[in-house]
Amino acid sequence: MIIVVLYNKFDSFLAISDKYLIFAYMLTKNDYLSDQEIVEGLIARDNDITREFFWKKCAGIFNHIIYNLYDLHPQKTLLRDDLIQRLYSYLLDNDAHVLRGFKFRCNLLTWLRQVAYRFFERELSKAKMEKEAEAKVVANFDDDLILDNKTEETREMVRRVLDAMPNQEMAYILRRKFLDGCEFDSLAFELGKTKANIYVIKQRAVEMFKDTYYKLEINDYAKI
């Protein structure tokens, strides 16, 4: 019986006969690479090393950290891939500045676990601060609110909620008032309404804005 042995330099040894598959035993190249070779491969953006080491071998470590840190977050499963992608960029941005900080004094996996934990923890803290800032804007969404001194992320949140409001006439008044800085006198003239009427509509629109914001939050949390 003729045995043919095929070798894929990265993925596998495969031995087959002329009629039957004898065995297929997967051997990943990363099992035989030193930490230095893996680091060099990651810096060089070697697709095979990146896939097998970062996305496969480290997946369990990343998942464990994310699921523990984001334990009560209803979107942790959806967040996982985005967080890991951001970690990858963090390691390799600026000519792999962070990854080059690994000095081989310990195991690469041990070092990466510590770096990943600190990174995911910072991302969680940033997300909490952003949500707190959003909630503060929504709670104070009234005449005294000034969006000019807010971040672009906050202004984008306001736009997203305005676009989702069921009454777009009300949304238009809020958009002109808070995003464009239009005064009530100008709005009344523009829309052919009295200033008092515009003010009443604005008050109802603010309540609709808040309701829409919280509904969007609930819907986002439901997408697990």
C-alpha atoms as a PDB file:
ATOM      1  CA  MET A   1       0.000   0.000   0.000  1.00  0.00           C
ATOM      2  CA  ILE A   2       1.326   3.429  -0.943  1.00  0.00           C
ATOM      3  CA  ILE A   3       1.427   6.042   1.800  1.00  0.00           C
ATOM      4  CA  VAL A   4       1.623   9.640   0.789  1.00  0.00           C
ATOM      5  CA  VAL A   5       2.715  12.129   3.435  1.00  0.00           C
ATOM      6  CA  LEU A   6       1.817  15.729   2.867  1.00  0.00           C
ATOM      7  CA  TYR A   7       3.258  18.520   4.977  1.00  0.00           C
ATOM      8  CA  ASN A   8       1.877  21.980   5.171  1.00  0.00           C
ATOM      9  CA  LYS A   9       4.727  24.027   6.658  1.00  0.00           C
ATOM     10  CA  PHE A  10       2.452  25.731   9.117  1.00  0.00           C
ATOM     11  CA  ASP A  11      -0.782  23.899   9.586  1.00  0.00           C
ATOM     12  CA  SER A  12      -0.458  20.150   9.517  1.00  0.00           C
ATOM     13  CA  PHE A  13       1.046  16.780   8.762  1.00  0.00           C
ATOM     14  CA  LEU A  14      -1.353  14.684   6.705  1.00  0.00           C
ATOM     15  CA  ALA A  15      -0.781  11.048   5.819  1.00  0.00           C
ATOM     16  CA  ILE A  16      -3.130   9.358   3.346  1.00  0.00           C
ATOM     17  CA  SER A  17      -3.118   6.107   1.382  1.00  0.00           C
ATOM     18  CA  ASP A  18      -4.280   5.686  -2.163  1.00  0.00           C
ATOM     19  CA  LYS A  19      -7.752   4.791  -0.798  1.00  0.00           C
ATOM     20  CA  TYR A  20      -8.029   5.807   2.835  1.00  0.00           C
ATOM     21  CA  LEU A  21      -7.214   8.723   5.049  1.00  0.00           C
ATOM     22  CA  ILE A  22      -4.778   7.227   7.559  1.00  0.00           C
ATOM     23  CA  PHE A  23      -4.505  10.131   9.975  1.00  0.00           C
ATOM     24  CA  ALA A  24      -4.664  13.882  10.206  1.00  0.00           C
ATOM     25  CA  TYR A  25      -2.736  15.312  13.098  1.00  0.00           C
ATOM     26  CA  MET A  26      -2.691  19.048  13.463  1.00  0.00           C
ATOM     27  CA  LEU A  27       0.512  20.621  14.698  1.00  0.00           C
ATOM     28  CA  THR A  28       0.673  24.371  15.024  1.00  0.00           C
ATOM     29  CA  LYS A  29       3.922  26.095  14.317  1.00  0.00           C
ATOM     30  CA  ASN A  30       3.529  28.197  17.453  1.00  0.00           C
ATOM     31  CA  ASP A  31       4.003  25.091  19.611  1.00  0.00           C
ATOM     32  CA  TYR A  32       7.654  25.101  18.559  1.00  0.00           C
ATOM     33  CA  LEU A  33       8.396  28.812  18.400  1.00  0.00           C
ATOM     34  CA  SER A  34      10.265  30.637  21.138  1.00  0.00           C
ATOM     35  CA  ASP A  35       8.779  33.746  22.709  1.00  0.00           C
ATOM     36  CA  GLN A  36      11.273  35.840  20.774  1.00  0.00           C
ATOM     37  CA  GLU A  37      10.198  34.284  17.465  1.00  0.00           C
ATOM     38  CA  ILE A  38       6.533  34.864  18.313  1.00  0.00           C
ATOM     39  CA  VAL A  39       7.160  38.506  19.219  1.00  0.00           C
ATOM     40  CA  GLU A  40       9.131  39.021  16.022  1.00  0.00           C
ATOM     41  CA  GLY A  41       6.336  37.387  14.045  1.00  0.00           C
ATOM     42  CA  LEU A  42       3.676  39.569  15.647  1.00  0.00           C
ATOM     43  CA  ILE A  43       5.702  42.718  14.983  1.00  0.00           C
ATOM     44  CA  ALA A  44       6.180  41.611  11.373  1.00  0.00           C
ATOM     45  CA  ARG A  45       2.404  40.988  11.268  1.00  0.00           C
ATOM     46  CA  ASP A  46       2.933  37.408  10.203  1.00  0.00           C
ATOM     47  CA  ASN A  47      -0.617  36.228   9.500  1.00  0.00           C
ATOM     48  CA  ASP A  48      -0.025  32.630  10.620  1.00  0.00           C
ATOM     49  CA  ILE A  49       1.646  33.531  13.910  1.00  0.00           C
ATOM     50  CA  THR A  50      -0.906  36.261  14.632  1.00  0.00           C
ATOM     51  CA  ARG A  51      -3.810  33.917  13.978  1.00  0.00           C
ATOM     52  CA  GLU A  52      -2.483  30.907  15.859  1.00  0.00           C
ATOM     53  CA  PHE A  53      -0.939  32.685  18.830  1.00  0.00           C
ATOM     54  CA  PHE A  54      -2.914  35.891  19.388  1.00  0.00           C
ATOM     55  CA  TRP A  55      -6.363  34.931  18.149  1.00  0.00           C
ATOM     56  CA  LYS A  56      -6.380  31.227  19.086  1.00  0.00           C
ATOM     57  CA  LYS A  57      -3.874  30.436  21.820  1.00  0.00           C
ATOM     58  CA  CYS A  58      -4.595  33.632  23.794  1.00  0.00           C
ATOM     59  CA  ALA A  59      -8.372  33.524  23.284  1.00  0.00           C
ATOM     60  CA  GLY A  60      -9.024  31.717  26.571  1.00  0.00           C
ATOM     61  CA  ILE A  61      -6.950  34.238  28.537  1.00  0.00           C
ATOM     62  CA  PHE A  62      -8.695  37.225  26.950  1.00  0.00           C
ATOM     63  CA  ASN A  63     -12.167  35.711  27.396  1.00  0.00           C
ATOM     64  CA  HIS A  64     -11.517  34.978  31.069  1.00  0.00           C
ATOM     65  CA  ILE A  65     -10.387  38.537  31.776  1.00  0.00           C
ATOM     66  CA  ILE A  66     -13.229  40.167  29.834  1.00  0.00           C
ATOM     67  CA  TYR A  67     -15.959  37.979  31.335  1.00  0.00           C
ATOM     68  CA  ASN A  68     -14.688  38.700  34.848  1.00  0.00           C
ATOM     69  CA  LEU A  69     -14.242  42.451  34.418  1.00  0.00           C
ATOM     70  CA  TYR A  70     -17.479  42.874  32.490  1.00  0.00           C
ATOM     71  CA  ASP A  71     -19.377  40.305  34.556  1.00  0.00           C
ATOM     72  CA  LEU A  72     -22.550  42.394  34.914  1.00  0.00           C
ATOM     73  CA  HIS A  73     -22.382  44.014  31.486  1.00  0.00           C
ATOM     74  CA  PRO A  74     -25.162  42.575  29.291  1.00  0.00           C
ATOM     75  CA  GLN A  75     -23.128  43.155  26.146  1.00  0.00           C
ATOM     76  CA  LYS A  76     -19.901  41.467  27.208  1.00  0.00           C
ATOM     77  CA  THR A  77     -20.142  38.830  24.474  1.00  0.00           C
ATOM     78  CA  LEU A  78     -20.518  41.482  21.790  1.00  0.00           C
ATOM     79  CA  LEU A  79     -17.820  43.625  23.367  1.00  0.00           C
ATOM     80  CA  ARG A  80     -15.284  40.800  23.443  1.00  0.00           C
ATOM     81  CA  ASP A  81     -14.191  40.847  19.790  1.00  0.00           C
ATOM     82  CA  ASP A  82     -13.989  44.638  19.709  1.00  0.00           C
ATOM     83  CA  LEU A  83     -11.953  44.729  22.928  1.00  0.00           C
ATOM     84  CA  ILE A  84      -9.507  42.101  21.681  1.00  0.00           C
ATOM     85  CA  GLN A  85      -9.112  43.947  18.379  1.00  0.00           C
ATOM     86  CA  ARG A  86      -8.376  47.151  20.301  1.00  0.00           C
ATOM     87  CA  LEU A  87      -5.829  45.296  22.428  1.00  0.00           C
ATOM     88  CA  TYR A  88      -4.129  44.035  19.257  1.00  0.00           C
ATOM     89  CA  SER A  89      -3.928  47.602  17.919  1.00  0.00           C
ATOM     90  CA  TYR A  90      -2.657  48.835  21.285  1.00  0.00           C
ATOM     91  CA  LEU A  91       0.184  46.301  21.210  1.00  0.00           C
ATOM     92  CA  LEU A  92       1.232  47.048  17.631  1.00  0.00           C
ATOM     93  CA  ASP A  93       0.527  50.751  17.174  1.00  0.00           C
ATOM     94  CA  ASN A  94       3.474  53.150  16.959  1.00  0.00           C
ATOM     95  CA  ASP A  95       5.842  50.525  15.594  1.00  0.00           C
ATOM     96  CA  ALA A  96       4.698  47.977  18.227  1.00  0.00           C
ATOM     97  CA  HIS A  97       5.874  50.235  21.041  1.00  0.00           C
ATOM     98  CA  VAL A  98       4.022  48.290  23.747  1.00  0.00           C
ATOM     99  CA  LEU A  99       4.922  44.837  22.455  1.00  0.00           C
ATOM    100  CA  ARG A 100       8.573  45.837  22.199  1.00  0.00           C
ATOM    101  CA  GLY A 101       8.378  46.539  25.920  1.00  0.00           C
ATOM    102  CA  PHE A 102       8.404  42.784  26.568  1.00  0.00           C
ATOM    103  CA  LYS A 103      11.963  42.085  27.759  1.00  0.00           C
ATOM    104  CA  PHE A 104      11.744  38.256  27.952  1.00  0.00           C
ATOM    105  CA  ARG A 105      12.180  38.201  31.722  1.00  0.00           C
ATOM    106  CA  CYS A 106       9.095  35.999  32.030  1.00  0.00           C
ATOM    107  CA  ASN A 107       6.861  33.868  29.834  1.00  0.00           C
ATOM    108  CA  LEU A 108       5.200  35.798  26.996  1.00  0.00           C
ATOM    109  CA  LEU A 109       1.746  34.535  27.968  1.00  0.00           C
ATOM    110  CA  THR A 110       2.247  35.690  31.572  1.00  0.00           C
ATOM    111  CA  TRP A 111       3.323  39.149  30.416  1.00  0.00           C
ATOM    112  CA  LEU A 112       0.471  39.401  27.896  1.00  0.00           C
ATOM    113  CA  ARG A 113      -2.071  38.371  30.550  1.00  0.00           C
ATOM    114  CA  GLN A 114      -0.961  41.273  32.752  1.00  0.00           C
ATOM    115  CA  VAL A 115      -0.948  43.763  29.865  1.00  0.00           C
ATOM    116  CA  ALA A 116      -4.380  42.588  28.685  1.00  0.00           C
ATOM    117  CA  TYR A 117      -5.870  42.857  32.186  1.00  0.00           C
ATOM    118  CA  ARG A 118      -4.656  46.441  32.644  1.00  0.00           C
ATOM    119  CA  PHE A 119      -5.802  47.390  29.133  1.00  0.00           C
ATOM    120  CA  PHE A 120      -9.314  45.911  29.493  1.00  0.00           C
ATOM    121  CA  GLU A 121      -9.629  47.471  32.956  1.00  0.00           C
ATOM    122  CA  ARG A 122      -8.790  50.915  31.545  1.00  0.00           C
ATOM    123  CA  GLU A 123     -11.255  50.438  28.701  1.00  0.00           C
ATOM    124  CA  LEU A 124     -13.982  49.560  31.205  1.00  0.00           C
ATOM    125  CA  SER A 125     -13.205  52.656  33.275  1.00  0.00           C
ATOM    126  CA  LYS A 126     -13.318  54.852  30.168  1.00  0.00           C
ATOM    127  CA  ALA A 127     -16.645  53.331  29.121  1.00  0.00           C
ATOM    128  CA  LYS A 128     -18.122  53.991  32.559  1.00  0.00           C
ATOM    129  CA  MET A 129     -16.954  57.606  32.486  1.00  0.00           C
ATOM    130  CA  GLU A 130     -18.439  58.082  29.010  1.00  0.00           C
ATOM    131  CA  LYS A 131     -21.794  56.645  30.132  1.00  0.00           C
ATOM    132  CA  GLU A 132     -21.796  58.866  33.206  1.00  0.00           C
ATOM    133  CA  ALA A 133     -21.093  61.888  31.000  1.00  0.00           C
ATOM    134  CA  GLU A 134     -23.906  60.886  28.636  1.00  0.00           C
ATOM    135  CA  ALA A 135     -26.360  60.400  31.503  1.00  0.00           C
ATOM    136  CA  LYS A 136     -25.451  63.835  32.887  1.00  0.00           C
ATOM    137  CA  VAL A 137     -26.091  65.476  29.513  1.00  0.00           C
ATOM    138  CA  VAL A 138     -29.454  63.716  29.192  1.00  0.00           C
ATOM    139  CA  ALA A 139     -30.506  64.598  32.737  1.00  0.00           C
ATOM    140  CA  ASN A 140     -29.674  68.284  32.124  1.00  0.00           C
ATOM    141  CA  PHE A 141     -31.007  68.454  28.588  1.00  0.00           C
ATOM    142  CA  ASP A 142     -32.780  71.809  28.906  1.00  0.00           C
ATOM    143  CA  ASP A 143     -32.336  75.529  28.284  1.00  0.00           C
ATOM    144  CA  ASP A 144     -29.087  75.801  30.212  1.00  0.00           C
ATOM    145  CA  LEU A 145     -27.357  72.993  28.324  1.00  0.00           C
ATOM    146  CA  ILE A 146     -24.453  74.125  26.169  1.00  0.00           C
ATOM    147  CA  LEU A 147     -23.189  71.480  23.758  1.00  0.00           C
ATOM    148  CA  ASP A 148     -20.410  73.606  22.295  1.00  0.00           C
ATOM    149  CA  ASN A 149     -18.123  72.691  25.182  1.00  0.00           C
ATOM    150  CA  LYS A 150     -18.953  68.973  25.011  1.00  0.00           C
ATOM    151  CA  THR A 151     -16.899  66.287  23.289  1.00  0.00           C
ATOM    152  CA  GLU A 152     -17.689  65.198  19.760  1.00  0.00           C
ATOM    153  CA  GLU A 153     -18.703  61.812  21.206  1.00  0.00           C
ATOM    154  CA  THR A 154     -21.376  63.530  23.330  1.00  0.00           C
ATOM    155  CA  ARG A 155     -22.623  65.550  20.383  1.00  0.00           C
ATOM    156  CA  GLU A 156     -22.776  62.374  18.310  1.00  0.00           C
ATOM    157  CA  MET A 157     -24.816  60.697  21.070  1.00  0.00           C
ATOM    158  CA  VAL A 158     -27.267  63.616  20.953  1.00  0.00           C
ATOM    159  CA  ARG A 159     -27.539  63.306  17.168  1.00  0.00           C
ATOM    160  CA  ARG A 160     -28.165  59.564  17.446  1.00  0.00           C
ATOM    161  CA  VAL A 161     -31.000  60.080  19.939  1.00  0.00           C
ATOM    162  CA  LEU A 162     -32.525  62.917  17.910  1.00  0.00           C
ATOM    163  CA  ASP A 163     -32.526  60.742  14.793  1.00  0.00           C
ATOM    164  CA  ALA A 164     -34.341  57.991  16.718  1.00  0.00           C
ATOM    165  CA  MET A 165     -37.057  60.235  18.186  1.00  0.00           C
ATOM    166  CA  PRO A 166     -40.552  59.256  16.950  1.00  0.00           C
ATOM    167  CA  ASN A 167     -41.566  62.891  16.388  1.00  0.00           C
ATOM    168  CA  GLN A 168     -39.047  64.491  14.054  1.00  0.00           C
ATOM    169  CA  GLU A 169     -40.631  67.964  14.312  1.00  0.00           C
ATOM    170  CA  MET A 170     -39.742  67.935  17.994  1.00  0.00           C
ATOM    171  CA  ALA A 171     -36.325  66.519  17.168  1.00  0.00           C
ATOM    172  CA  TYR A 172     -35.770  69.349  14.663  1.00  0.00           C
ATOM    173  CA  ILE A 173     -36.494  71.987  17.310  1.00  0.00           C
ATOM    174  CA  LEU A 174     -34.018  70.382  19.713  1.00  0.00           C
ATOM    175  CA  ARG A 175     -31.427  69.996  16.979  1.00  0.00           C
ATOM    176  CA  ARG A 176     -31.696  73.676  16.014  1.00  0.00           C
ATOM    177  CA  LYS A 177     -31.721  74.796  19.645  1.00  0.00           C
ATOM    178  CA  PHE A 178     -28.959  72.678  21.148  1.00  0.00           C
ATOM    179  CA  LEU A 179     -26.732  71.684  18.232  1.00  0.00           C
ATOM    180  CA  ASP A 180     -27.083  74.798  16.064  1.00  0.00           C
ATOM    181  CA  GLY A 181     -27.512  77.314  18.912  1.00  0.00           C
ATOM    182  CA  CYS A 182     -30.661  78.820  17.412  1.00  0.00           C
ATOM    183  CA  GLU A 183     -32.675  81.096  19.742  1.00  0.00           C
ATOM    184  CA  PHE A 184     -36.428  80.733  20.311  1.00  0.00           C
ATOM    185  CA  ASP A 185     -37.206  83.967  18.447  1.00  0.00           C
ATOM    186  CA  SER A 186     -35.443  82.676  15.334  1.00  0.00           C
ATOM    187  CA  LEU A 187     -37.061  79.256  15.647  1.00  0.00           C
ATOM    188  CA  ALA A 188     -40.514  80.790  15.982  1.00  0.00           C
ATOM    189  CA  PHE A 189     -39.962  82.881  12.847  1.00  0.00           C
ATOM    190  CA  GLU A 190     -38.502  79.938  10.932  1.00  0.00           C
ATOM    191  CA  LEU A 191     -41.394  77.599  11.768  1.00  0.00           C
ATOM    192  CA  GLY A 192     -44.165  80.163  11.660  1.00  0.00           C
ATOM    193  CA  LYS A 193     -45.126  79.651  15.302  1.00  0.00           C
ATOM    194  CA  THR A 194     -45.242  81.855  18.356  1.00  0.00           C
ATOM    195  CA  LYS A 195     -42.295  81.904  20.729  1.00  0.00           C
ATOM    196  CA  ALA A 196     -44.537  80.566  23.503  1.00  0.00           C
ATOM    197  CA  ASN A 197     -45.643  77.682  21.268  1.00  0.00           C
ATOM    198  CA  ILE A 198     -42.062  76.789  20.412  1.00  0.00           C
ATOM    199  CA  TYR A 199     -41.174  76.785  24.109  1.00  0.00           C
ATOM    200  CA  VAL A 200     -44.058  74.391  24.941  1.00  0.00           C
ATOM    201  CA  ILE A 201     -43.075  72.050  22.086  1.00  0.00           C
ATOM    202  CA  LYS A 202     -39.473  72.177  23.246  1.00  0.00           C
ATOM    203  CA  GLN A 203     -40.453  71.116  26.758  1.00  0.00           C
ATOM    204  CA  ARG A 204     -42.352  68.097  25.422  1.00  0.00           C
ATOM    205  CA  ALA A 205     -39.489  67.355  23.026  1.00  0.00           C
ATOM    206  CA  VAL A 206     -36.990  67.250  25.898  1.00  0.00           C
ATOM    207  CA  GLU A 207     -39.082  64.584  27.655  1.00  0.00           C
ATOM    208  CA  MET A 208     -39.295  62.610  24.415  1.00  0.00           C
ATOM    209  CA  PHE A 209     -35.528  62.928  23.997  1.00  0.00           C
ATOM    210  CA  LYS A 210     -34.922  61.453  27.449  1.00  0.00           C
ATOM    211  CA  ASP A 211     -37.408  58.611  26.888  1.00  0.00           C
ATOM    212  CA  THR A 212     -35.784  57.821  23.531  1.00  0.00           C
ATOM    213  CA  TYR A 213     -32.301  57.785  25.052  1.00  0.00           C
ATOM    214  CA  TYR A 214     -33.261  55.259  27.732  1.00  0.00           C
ATOM    215  CA  LYS A 215     -35.126  53.099  25.222  1.00  0.00           C
ATOM    216  CA  LEU A 216     -32.039  53.003  23.020  1.00  0.00           C
ATOM    217  CA  GLU A 217     -29.964  51.987  26.028  1.00  0.00           C
ATOM    218  CA  ILE A 218     -32.375  49.141  26.833  1.00  0.00           C
ATOM    219  CA  ASN A 219     -32.405  47.960  23.225  1.00  0.00           C
ATOM    220  CA  ASP A 220     -28.609  48.013  23.097  1.00  0.00           C
ATOM    221  CA  TYR A 221     -28.381  45.930  26.260  1.00  0.00           C
ATOM    222  CA  ALA A 222     -30.842  43.407  24.821  1.00  0.00           C
ATOM    223  CA  LYS A 223     -28.547  42.613  21.890  1.00  0.00           C
ATOM    224  CA  ILE A 224     -26.549  39.829  23.499  1.00  0.00           C
END
